[in-house]
């Protein structure tokens, strides 16, 4: 797959002082801020993307066995500045999932660690991209 089959994009527009809106091709809009307002910062969006991507994977996999009664995920890490510049370290995604009693719930509980590992090691595009790393091209269009 190449080109339009693989390309993902968003557009970002300044909407105020330190505030922007990201718009996807489906019309979804997400406000982004610098931390002086309630909007998510870019670092918080990275954490949300890590948690959300893996949550979608894990929920789909375990949900084949039983629907979760509660499904919570926490993503965290340390934002540091060192000789490599600003970056995140100690990234961690923690799942707190409760399944119903019974055979389906038991199967989902038993499979949860494997589902989390599958997401981490293969399925979650966001965490895989962070783990693998690679250059990001920045180009001024002026």
Foldseek 3Di string as FASTA:
>chain_A
DDDPVPDFDWDWADDDDQKIWIAGPVGDIAIEGDPPDPGHHPVSVLQVLVQVLLQVQLQVVLVVLPHWPDKDKGWDFDFDQDPVGTDTPPIDIDIDTHTDDDDSRVVSVVCNVVSSVCCCPPGRPSNVCVVVDDDDDDDDPD
